[in-house]
Protein backbone atom coordinates (compact mmCIF):
# COMPACT_ATOMS: atom_id res chain seq x y z
CA MET A 1 -44.75 -10.85 11.74
CA TRP A 2 -43.86 -13.29 14.63
CA ARG A 3 -45.72 -13.07 17.49
CA LEU A 4 -46.31 -15.55 20.63
CA SER A 5 -49.76 -17.30 19.55
CA HIS A 6 -52.14 -19.03 21.59
CA SER A 7 -54.96 -19.09 18.53
CA MET A 8 -57.11 -22.39 17.94
CA THR A 9 -56.97 -21.06 14.45
CA GLY A 10 -54.73 -19.82 11.70
CA LEU A 11 -54.31 -19.62 8.00
CA GLY A 12 -58.25 -18.31 7.59
CA GLY A 13 -59.40 -20.44 10.48
CA LEU A 14 -58.31 -23.60 8.42
CA ILE A 15 -56.57 -25.17 11.40
CA ALA A 16 -58.37 -26.84 14.20
CA GLY A 17 -57.05 -26.01 17.54
CA VAL A 18 -58.45 -29.29 19.21
CA CYS A 19 -61.79 -31.70 18.57
CA VAL A 20 -64.25 -29.20 19.56
CA ALA A 21 -65.54 -32.40 21.10
CA CYS A 22 -64.71 -35.96 21.39
CA VAL A 23 -67.19 -38.49 21.89
CA ASP A 24 -66.77 -41.41 24.12
CA THR A 25 -69.43 -44.15 22.22
CA GLU A 26 -67.68 -45.83 19.65
CA PRO A 27 -68.31 -45.46 16.23
CA GLY A 28 -69.96 -48.44 14.58
CA THR A 29 -69.56 -47.71 11.31
CA GLU A 30 -68.54 -50.76 10.10
CA GLU A 31 -72.14 -52.20 10.39
CA ILE A 32 -74.16 -49.73 7.83
CA CYS A 33 -71.01 -48.65 5.59
CA VAL A 34 -68.81 -50.18 2.74
CA ALA A 35 -65.77 -48.70 2.66
CA ASP A 36 -64.66 -46.99 -0.61
CA GLY A 37 -60.83 -48.28 -0.46
CA VAL A 38 -59.01 -49.68 2.33
CA VAL A 39 -55.50 -49.15 3.15
CA GLN A 40 -53.71 -52.24 5.42
CA GLY A 41 -50.44 -50.15 7.80
CA ASP A 42 -48.66 -52.14 10.27
CA GLY A 43 -52.15 -52.31 12.55
CA VAL A 44 -53.69 -49.72 11.72
CA GLU A 45 -56.14 -50.46 8.71
CA PHE A 46 -57.34 -47.56 6.65
CA LEU A 47 -60.98 -47.35 5.70
CA LEU A 48 -61.43 -44.95 3.37
CA ILE A 49 -65.42 -42.83 2.99
CA ASP A 50 -65.39 -40.87 -0.17
CA ILE A 51 -61.84 -40.24 -0.58
CA GLU A 52 -58.80 -41.93 -2.88
CA VAL A 53 -55.59 -43.20 -1.50
CA GLU A 54 -54.31 -40.34 -4.29
CA ASP A 55 -55.12 -37.32 -2.55
CA LEU A 56 -53.75 -38.34 0.48
CA CYS A 57 -49.70 -37.22 1.26
CA PRO A 58 -48.37 -40.86 1.32
CA SER A 59 -46.16 -40.09 5.00
CA GLY A 60 -49.62 -39.11 6.10
CA PHE A 61 -50.13 -43.43 6.85
CA ALA A 62 -46.73 -44.55 7.99
CA ALA A 63 -46.63 -40.72 10.96
CA ALA A 64 -50.09 -42.29 12.02
CA GLU A 65 -49.17 -46.34 12.82
CA SER A 66 -45.69 -44.51 14.58
CA HIS A 67 -48.10 -42.68 16.80
CA ALA A 68 -50.20 -45.22 17.25
CA LYS A 69 -46.90 -47.11 18.94
CA TRP A 70 -46.05 -43.96 20.38
CA VAL A 71 -48.85 -43.48 22.38
CA ALA A 72 -49.08 -47.37 23.78
CA ASP A 73 -45.65 -46.73 24.19
CA ALA A 74 -46.02 -44.03 26.28
CA TRP A 75 -49.17 -45.39 28.23
CA GLY A 76 -47.31 -48.75 29.02
CA GLY A 77 -48.37 -51.43 26.76
CA GLU A 78 -49.01 -53.24 23.15
CA PRO A 79 -51.41 -50.57 20.86
CA SER A 80 -54.44 -51.67 19.68
CA PRO A 81 -55.01 -52.94 15.93
CA ILE A 82 -57.03 -49.94 15.18
CA LYS A 83 -60.02 -49.04 11.99
CA TYR A 84 -59.39 -45.67 11.32
CA TRP A 85 -62.47 -44.54 9.23
CA LEU A 86 -61.34 -41.29 6.85
CA PHE A 87 -64.45 -39.88 5.60
CA GLU A 88 -63.96 -36.51 3.52
CA ALA A 89 -66.79 -34.85 5.42
CA ARG A 90 -68.42 -34.75 8.03
CA GLU A 91 -72.26 -34.29 6.40
CA HIS A 92 -71.29 -38.09 4.80
CA PRO A 93 -74.88 -39.95 6.34
CA CYS A 94 -72.52 -41.86 7.91
CA TRP A 95 -70.53 -40.06 10.31
CA ALA A 96 -71.70 -41.66 13.91
CA CYS A 97 -69.31 -39.04 16.07
CA GLY A 98 -71.45 -35.99 17.82
CA SER A 99 -72.55 -32.72 16.18
CA GLY A 100 -69.88 -30.04 15.77
CA ALA A 101 -67.23 -33.01 16.43
CA LEU A 102 -64.46 -33.31 14.19
CA GLY A 103 -63.60 -36.45 15.13
CA CYS A 104 -64.25 -39.40 17.52
CA ALA A 105 -62.66 -42.57 19.07
CA GLY A 106 -63.49 -45.90 20.68
CA HIS A 107 -60.88 -48.98 21.68
CA GLY A 108 -59.36 -49.78 18.92
CA LYS A 109 -61.59 -47.22 16.26
CA LEU A 110 -62.10 -43.93 15.26
CA MET A 111 -63.66 -41.49 12.84
CA THR A 112 -61.60 -38.55 11.72
CA THR A 113 -61.30 -36.00 8.29
CA ARG A 114 -57.95 -35.92 9.34
CA LEU A 115 -54.90 -38.24 8.07
CA PRO A 116 -52.82 -38.48 10.36
CA ASP A 117 -55.36 -37.64 13.59
CA ARG A 118 -52.84 -37.47 16.69
CA HIS A 119 -56.08 -36.79 18.90
CA GLU A 120 -57.85 -39.08 18.05
CA LEU A 121 -54.94 -42.78 17.42
CA SER A 122 -54.47 -41.60 21.47
CA HIS A 123 -57.97 -42.61 22.40
CA ALA A 124 -57.75 -45.61 20.01
CA ALA A 125 -54.15 -46.80 20.66
CA ARG A 126 -55.01 -47.99 24.18
CA ARG A 127 -56.36 -50.68 25.67
CA GLU A 128 -57.68 -48.69 28.38
CA ARG A 129 -59.43 -45.79 28.60
CA CYS A 130 -60.42 -43.58 31.22
CA GLN A 131 -63.96 -43.33 33.23
CA SER A 132 -63.47 -40.12 33.47
CA PRO A 133 -63.54 -37.52 30.13
CA LEU A 134 -61.25 -35.15 32.15
CA LEU A 135 -58.39 -37.30 31.97
CA GLU A 136 -59.37 -39.02 28.94
CA GLU A 137 -59.57 -35.75 26.98
CA GLY A 138 -56.13 -34.25 29.06
CA TRP A 139 -54.25 -37.43 27.81
CA ALA A 140 -55.21 -36.91 23.68
CA VAL A 141 -54.19 -33.40 23.91
CA LEU A 142 -51.05 -34.21 25.16
CA TYR A 143 -50.03 -36.43 22.43
CA GLY A 144 -52.24 -34.44 20.31
CA GLY A 145 -51.16 -33.47 17.47
CA PRO A 146 -48.87 -30.08 16.38
CA LEU A 147 -49.42 -26.11 15.16
CA GLU A 148 -52.23 -26.92 18.12
CA ASP A 149 -52.63 -24.58 20.82
CA GLN A 150 -54.77 -23.42 23.84
CA LEU A 151 -54.65 -21.28 26.63
CA MET A 152 -55.61 -23.36 30.11
CA ASP A 153 -58.66 -21.23 31.19
CA GLY A 154 -61.87 -22.49 34.16
CA THR A 155 -61.09 -24.61 37.01
CA LEU A 156 -61.76 -28.30 37.52
CA ARG A 157 -64.90 -27.96 39.15
CA GLU A 158 -66.56 -25.96 36.29
CA ALA A 159 -65.17 -28.72 34.11
CA LEU A 160 -66.59 -31.16 36.00
CA GLN A 161 -70.25 -29.81 35.91
CA ALA A 162 -69.54 -29.31 32.06
CA ILE A 163 -69.15 -32.85 31.74
CA GLU A 164 -72.40 -33.22 33.44
CA ASP A 165 -74.45 -30.79 31.71
CA ASN A 166 -72.98 -31.98 28.45
CA GLN A 167 -72.22 -35.37 28.52
CA SER A 168 -68.99 -35.01 27.48
CA LEU A 169 -66.01 -32.57 27.75
CA PRO A 170 -66.30 -29.30 25.86
CA GLY A 171 -63.58 -28.14 23.65
CA LEU A 172 -63.15 -25.26 25.86
CA HIS A 173 -61.98 -27.75 28.88
CA TYR A 174 -59.77 -28.81 26.78
CA ALA A 175 -56.28 -26.69 27.60
CA LEU A 176 -57.58 -27.30 31.01
CA ALA A 177 -57.52 -31.15 30.83
CA ALA A 178 -54.39 -31.59 29.15
CA GLY A 179 -52.67 -29.19 32.58
CA PHE A 180 -54.11 -31.88 34.83
CA ALA A 181 -53.02 -34.51 32.84
CA ALA A 182 -49.99 -33.23 32.66
CA PHE A 183 -49.34 -32.24 36.91
CA ILE A 184 -50.81 -35.67 37.17
CA ILE A 185 -47.65 -37.56 35.25
CA GLU A 186 -45.24 -35.10 37.21
CA THR A 187 -46.23 -35.58 40.12
CA GLY A 188 -47.10 -39.38 40.43
CA GLY A 189 -46.19 -40.67 36.58
CA VAL A 190 -47.74 -42.70 33.93
CA ALA A 191 -48.53 -45.04 37.15
CA ALA A 192 -50.89 -42.36 38.44
CA PHE A 193 -52.40 -41.18 35.90
CA ARG A 194 -53.66 -45.11 34.82
CA LYS A 195 -54.51 -45.61 38.64
CA LEU A 196 -56.80 -42.25 38.96
CA CYS A 197 -58.12 -42.88 34.87
CA GLU A 198 -59.53 -46.25 36.46
CA LEU A 199 -61.27 -43.72 39.23
CA PRO A 200 -64.65 -43.14 38.37
CA TYR A 201 -65.80 -39.63 39.37
CA ASP A 202 -68.58 -37.79 37.98
CA ASN A 203 -68.49 -34.89 40.89
CA ALA A 204 -65.57 -32.76 42.53
CA THR A 205 -66.29 -34.48 46.11
CA ALA A 206 -65.03 -37.85 44.12
CA LEU A 207 -62.08 -36.61 42.25
CA ASP A 208 -61.34 -35.15 45.19
CA LEU A 209 -61.13 -38.08 47.51
CA ALA A 210 -59.48 -40.06 44.39
CA LEU A 211 -56.57 -37.49 43.96
CA LEU A 212 -56.27 -38.29 47.59
CA ASP A 213 -55.52 -41.55 47.74
CA VAL A 214 -53.71 -41.20 44.11
CA LEU A 215 -51.85 -38.07 44.49
CA GLY A 216 -52.08 -37.38 48.09
CA LEU A 217 -53.55 -33.65 47.66
CA SER A 218 -57.16 -32.52 47.41
CA LEU A 219 -58.61 -30.79 44.92
CA ASP A 220 -58.18 -27.55 45.87
CA GLU A 221 -54.24 -28.29 46.14
CA VAL A 222 -54.23 -29.33 42.42
CA GLN A 223 -55.77 -26.11 41.79
CA LEU A 224 -53.79 -24.18 42.69
CA GLU A 225 -50.83 -25.57 40.95
CA LEU A 226 -52.24 -25.59 37.77
CA ASP A 227 -53.50 -21.67 38.54
CA GLU A 228 -49.42 -21.79 38.39
CA TYR A 229 -49.73 -23.80 35.26
CA ALA A 230 -52.37 -21.28 33.11
CA LEU A 231 -49.59 -18.66 34.20
CA ARG A 232 -46.84 -20.30 32.20
CA TRP A 233 -47.94 -22.94 29.57
CA GLY A 234 -51.18 -23.09 27.20
CA SER A 235 -51.70 -26.57 25.48
CA GLY A 236 -48.52 -26.64 23.11
CA GLU A 237 -46.25 -26.12 25.58
CA LEU A 238 -47.58 -29.13 27.38
CA ARG A 239 -47.78 -31.18 23.84
CA ARG A 240 -45.03 -34.32 23.63
CA ASP A 241 -43.32 -34.00 20.33
CA GLN A 242 -42.50 -37.40 18.57
CA ALA A 243 -40.28 -35.39 16.40
CA CYS A 244 -38.54 -34.78 19.74
CA GLU A 245 -36.51 -38.55 19.21
CA GLY A 246 -35.24 -38.12 15.56
CA THR A 247 -31.29 -38.17 15.03
CA ASP A 248 -31.42 -36.34 12.51
CA VAL A 249 -30.56 -32.55 13.66
CA LEU A 250 -29.45 -29.46 11.41
CA LEU A 251 -26.78 -27.32 13.58
CA SER A 252 -26.98 -23.83 12.97
CA PRO A 253 -26.31 -21.63 11.37
CA ALA A 254 -27.67 -23.43 8.71
CA SER A 255 -29.72 -23.63 5.84
CA TRP A 256 -31.87 -26.15 4.06
CA THR A 257 -35.23 -27.07 1.49
CA LEU A 258 -37.93 -28.16 3.09
CA GLU A 259 -40.77 -29.95 0.90
CA LEU A 260 -43.92 -28.61 1.05
CA GLY A 261 -45.58 -30.92 -1.55
CA CYS A 262 -48.13 -33.61 -0.86
CA MET A 263 -45.75 -36.89 -2.08
CA ALA A 264 -42.84 -35.55 -0.49
CA ASP A 265 -41.66 -37.90 2.46
CA GLY A 266 -42.18 -36.32 5.81
CA VAL A 267 -45.46 -34.30 4.41
CA GLU A 268 -48.12 -34.26 5.97
CA GLY A 269 -51.81 -33.18 4.58
CA LYS A 270 -53.95 -33.49 1.94
CA LEU A 271 -53.06 -32.88 -1.74
CA GLY A 272 -54.52 -29.47 -2.69
CA GLY A 273 -54.73 -28.44 1.20
CA LEU A 274 -53.17 -28.50 4.67
CA ALA A 275 -49.53 -29.59 4.00
CA TRP A 276 -46.80 -29.82 6.22
CA ASN A 277 -43.26 -30.44 7.23
CA GLN A 278 -40.55 -30.32 9.46
CA ARG A 279 -36.44 -30.62 10.55
CA LEU A 280 -34.25 -30.77 13.63
CA VAL A 281 -32.20 -27.61 14.43
CA GLU A 282 -30.03 -27.46 17.22
CA LEU A 283 -29.45 -23.73 18.39
CA SER A 284 -26.10 -23.42 20.54
CA GLU A 285 -26.89 -20.45 21.74
CA GLY A 286 -29.36 -18.43 23.32
CA GLY A 287 -30.11 -15.12 22.11
CA GLY A 288 -31.92 -13.61 19.38
CA TYR A 289 -32.28 -15.17 15.31
CA VAL A 290 -33.52 -14.96 12.24
CA PHE A 291 -35.47 -17.33 10.31
CA GLY A 292 -35.60 -16.74 6.19
CA PHE A 293 -37.86 -18.08 3.69
CA ASP A 294 -37.40 -18.29 -0.38
CA GLY A 295 -40.33 -19.77 -2.03
CA ALA A 296 -43.24 -19.35 -4.30
CA GLU A 297 -44.48 -16.24 -3.66
CA GLY A 298 -48.34 -15.24 -2.24
CA GLN A 299 -47.80 -18.23 -0.07
CA GLY A 300 -49.09 -18.25 3.77
CA LEU A 301 -47.37 -20.22 5.77
CA ARG A 302 -47.49 -20.94 10.01
CA VAL A 303 -44.33 -21.74 11.55
CA GLU A 304 -44.38 -23.83 14.91
CA LEU A 305 -40.82 -23.67 17.15
CA ARG A 306 -40.10 -26.18 19.64
CA ASN A 307 -37.51 -26.83 22.05
CA CYS A 308 -37.51 -31.01 22.74
CA GLU A 309 -36.11 -29.91 26.72
CA ARG A 310 -38.52 -30.22 28.94
CA ASP A 311 -38.82 -27.04 32.15
CA GLY A 312 -41.08 -29.10 34.31
CA PRO A 313 -44.30 -30.39 31.42
CA GLY A 314 -43.69 -28.13 29.23
CA SER A 315 -41.39 -26.93 26.73
CA SER A 316 -38.31 -24.91 27.43
CA ASP A 317 -39.10 -22.72 24.42
CA TYR A 318 -42.24 -22.83 22.38
CA ARG A 319 -43.28 -20.26 19.74
CA SER A 320 -45.58 -20.23 16.58
CA GLY A 321 -46.26 -17.23 14.47
CA PHE A 322 -47.15 -16.10 10.57
CA VAL A 323 -44.58 -15.61 7.64
CA SER A 324 -44.97 -14.68 3.69
CA SER A 325 -43.45 -17.24 2.35
CA THR A 326 -40.41 -14.62 0.35
CA GLY A 327 -39.88 -13.23 4.22
CA THR A 328 -38.23 -13.22 6.84
CA MET A 329 -38.80 -13.46 11.09
CA HIS A 330 -36.99 -12.29 13.77
CA VAL A 331 -37.14 -14.19 16.93
CA TYR A 332 -36.00 -13.29 20.45
CA ASP A 333 -34.67 -14.45 23.27
CA LEU A 334 -34.42 -18.12 22.22
CA VAL A 335 -33.17 -20.45 24.58
CA PRO A 336 -30.19 -22.87 23.02
CA GLY A 337 -31.66 -26.51 22.21
CA THR A 338 -32.85 -28.45 19.97
CA TYR A 339 -35.85 -27.26 18.09
CA VAL A 340 -38.63 -28.89 16.23
CA VAL A 341 -39.45 -26.16 12.96
CA ARG A 342 -42.37 -27.20 11.62
CA VAL A 343 -44.07 -25.11 8.64
CA LEU A 344 -47.28 -25.34 7.54
CA LEU A 345 -49.17 -23.89 4.37
CA GLY A 346 -52.31 -22.74 4.25
CA SER A 347 -53.56 -24.33 1.18
CA SER A 348 -50.91 -25.87 -1.64
CA VAL A 349 -53.92 -25.66 -5.02
CA ALA A 350 -52.00 -22.74 -5.60
CA ALA A 351 -48.52 -23.77 -5.22
CA GLY A 352 -48.54 -27.69 -7.12
CA PRO A 353 -47.43 -30.65 -5.90
CA GLU A 354 -43.57 -29.95 -5.72
CA LEU A 355 -43.57 -26.77 -3.43
CA SER A 356 -41.02 -26.79 -1.41
CA VAL A 357 -39.68 -24.01 0.68
CA GLU A 358 -35.43 -22.89 0.82
CA MET A 359 -35.11 -21.98 5.28
CA SER A 360 -32.26 -20.48 6.75
CA VAL A 361 -31.44 -19.80 10.08
CA ALA A 362 -28.95 -17.54 11.92
CA GLN A 363 -27.73 -15.76 14.80
CA TRP A 364 -30.04 -12.15 15.08
CA PRO A 365 -28.39 -9.73 15.29
C-alpha cells in the first residue's frame, strides 16, 4: 500500500497539488461584494462568501494567522494585514481569480475556497512581491500547504517563455520555480532571493544578467544545478514545514489517538469534507517501520511523512502514500530523526464529526 508519491492528486482527485495559476492582479472583491459573515482574527480578516463559519474546522483560522506570521518572519519583516476572502465555490459572481485558478492573491488580499490556503497566504503576507512570477510562485510553493507534491520538470528558459505566452506561470512549472527559489536561498540566503525579486526580467538575457549580478552564476550554470535538483527532490521535499518547529514530540515506539473530526484541536479542513491532522514522532534509529491504523472502516487515508532534518535544500526523508483507516503500512529505509506524521481523511461525511484514528509506530521487522 505504501509508495513514494509525486502525484498531484490523491483520494479520488480531491487534493490539488498546487494552484493551477495564481494571478498577480489583486482581488478587488471588497469594492463589489458584501461578505455573508466576517471572522476577525489576529492580523487576518476572514470574509465569508456563501459559506457558514460552522462548516469550517475552527483550527483553520488560527493556522492561517500563524502561517502568515511565519512566512513574514522568514521573509524578514512584519506580516501585512490580510483580507482573506473565503468562498464556498469558485462559480460565485464575485470570484475574481483567473480562469482555472484555485486561488489568487495580491498584497494583503487573497481569494480562495480553502482554509487555510498556505500558498496564497505566502503571497499575501509579504509587503513586497517579486517582479517575476517565477520567483513569486517559487516562494509560495516553498511555503505552501502540506500534501502537495510535484516533480521538477522543464527549464528556466521554458518557464520564462510560458510566462510570456500566458501572462502568468502555468502550474506545470511550479515545482521548477520552487527548486529555483530553493537554490537561490541555499546559495545566497533570503537576502539574495529578495534582491533578485526586486529585479525585473521577462526573458533569458535579463535573467542571466540578474543571476550574474546577484549570485555570480550564469543562467546556464544555474540550470545545471537545477537539473541535479530534479534528480533528488520534488516540491514536497523542498517545501518548508512549520510543523517541524513544534516541541510536542512522541518517542518511537509510540501509540496515540489522532483526532480527525472537524471540531477537534489541530484539525484543518471542512465539516464533511477533507480534514487532516498531524503529530511529531521521533525515530531514534533508522530502518524499517510499521505504521498501524485503527479507525472507522471504509475510510481512505493519505499519509505524509517528513523528516524535519534538511539535506541541502530538501527534507532528508520524505514519503507519501495511501492506506486504509484499518490497515497497516510498512516503510523501508527511513533515516532517524523527528518526523511530521500527517494524515488526511478524504471525506468525513460518513465518519461523523467525532472521528479519530488510533495510530501506532514501531520498528519492523
